[in-house]
C-alpha atoms as a PDB file:
ATOM      1  CA  MET A   1      41.207  -9.132  43.187  1.00  0.00           C
ATOM      2  CA  LYS A   2      39.821  -5.049  41.346  1.00  0.00           C
ATOM      3  CA  ARG A   3      43.140  -4.040  43.276  1.00  0.00           C
ATOM      4  CA  GLN A   4      45.323  -6.583  42.170  1.00  0.00           C
ATOM      5  CA  PHE A   5      44.178  -6.127  38.200  1.00  0.00           C
ATOM      6  CA  PHE A   6      44.473  -2.655  38.672  1.00  0.00           C
ATOM      7  CA  GLN A   7      47.986  -3.528  39.612  1.00  0.00           C
ATOM      8  CA  PHE A   8      48.723  -5.879  37.215  1.00  0.00           C
ATOM      9  CA  LEU A   9      47.763  -3.503  34.595  1.00  0.00           C
ATOM     10  CA  ASN A  10      49.407  -0.857  36.087  1.00  0.00           C
ATOM     11  CA  ARG A  11      52.840  -2.018  36.197  1.00  0.00           C
ATOM     12  CA  LEU A  12      51.597  -2.863  31.933  1.00  0.00           C
ATOM     13  CA  ASN A  13      51.349   0.309  31.340  1.00  0.00           C
ATOM     14  CA  LYS A  14      55.295   1.645  32.833  1.00  0.00           C
ATOM     15  CA  ALA A  15      56.446  -1.168  30.360  1.00  0.00           C
ATOM     16  CA  VAL A  16      54.209  -0.265  27.745  1.00  0.00           C
ATOM     17  CA  LEU A  17      53.065   2.842  27.114  1.00  0.00           C
ATOM     18  CA  PRO A  18      55.449   6.621  26.429  1.00  0.00           C
ATOM     19  CA  LYS A  19      56.038   8.481  29.398  1.00  0.00           C
ATOM     20  CA  TYR A  20      54.883  12.782  29.487  1.00  0.00           C
ATOM     21  CA  GLY A  21      55.438  13.108  32.401  1.00  0.00           C
ATOM     22  CA  LYS A  22      57.741  16.184  30.909  1.00  0.00           C
ATOM     23  CA  LYS A  23      55.746  17.892  28.639  1.00  0.00           C
ATOM     24  CA  ASP A  24      53.495  20.847  29.154  1.00  0.00           C
ATOM     25  CA  PRO A  25      49.906  18.623  28.869  1.00  0.00           C
ATOM     26  CA  THR A  26      48.732  21.998  26.933  1.00  0.00           C
ATOM     27  CA  LYS A  27      50.550  21.175  24.427  1.00  0.00           C
ATOM     28  CA  LEU A  28      49.976  17.658  23.768  1.00  0.00           C
ATOM     29  CA  LYS A  29      48.308  16.607  21.061  1.00  0.00           C
ATOM     30  CA  LYS A  30      44.459  14.660  22.173  1.00  0.00           C
ATOM     31  CA  TYR A  31      45.393  11.031  22.213  1.00  0.00           C
ATOM     32  CA  GLN A  32      48.170  11.271  24.387  1.00  0.00           C
ATOM     33  CA  GLN A  33      46.352  13.039  27.045  1.00  0.00           C
ATOM     34  CA  ALA A  34      44.246  10.139  26.298  1.00  0.00           C
ATOM     35  CA  ILE A  35      47.582   8.367  27.241  1.00  0.00           C
ATOM     36  CA  ILE A  36      47.652  10.916  30.157  1.00  0.00           C
ATOM     37  CA  ALA A  37      44.723  10.049  30.936  1.00  0.00           C
ATOM     38  CA  TYR A  38      44.134   6.239  30.698  1.00  0.00           C
ATOM     39  CA  ARG A  39      47.373   6.050  33.599  1.00  0.00           C
ATOM     40  CA  TYR A  40      45.817   8.803  35.804  1.00  0.00           C
ATOM     41  CA  PHE A  41      43.270   6.085  36.075  1.00  0.00           C
ATOM     42  CA  ILE A  42      44.640   3.027  36.523  1.00  0.00           C
ATOM     43  CA  LEU A  43      47.282   4.199  38.646  1.00  0.00           C
ATOM     44  CA  ILE A  44      44.642   5.981  40.741  1.00  0.00           C
ATOM     45  CA  HIS A  45      42.067   2.246  40.927  1.00  0.00           C
ATOM     46  CA  ALA A  46      46.229   0.644  41.590  1.00  0.00           C
ATOM     47  CA  LEU A  47      46.784   2.447  44.965  1.00  0.00           C
ATOM     48  CA  ALA A  48      43.240   2.618  46.359  1.00  0.00           C
ATOM     49  CA  ASP A  49      42.588   0.894  49.268  1.00  0.00           C
ATOM     50  CA  ASP A  50      38.910  -0.665  47.471  1.00  0.00           C
END
């Protein structure tokens, strides 16, 4: 159940949130870094075996 929830959030993030993959993370603004951190957190939990 938890994994399905995170997989849903991951699909939603891909559709809604901007992508900053090609930019230097040190030059991003704080809110952009927060978006990257949030997307990473959701991705890791969506891929977890638990």
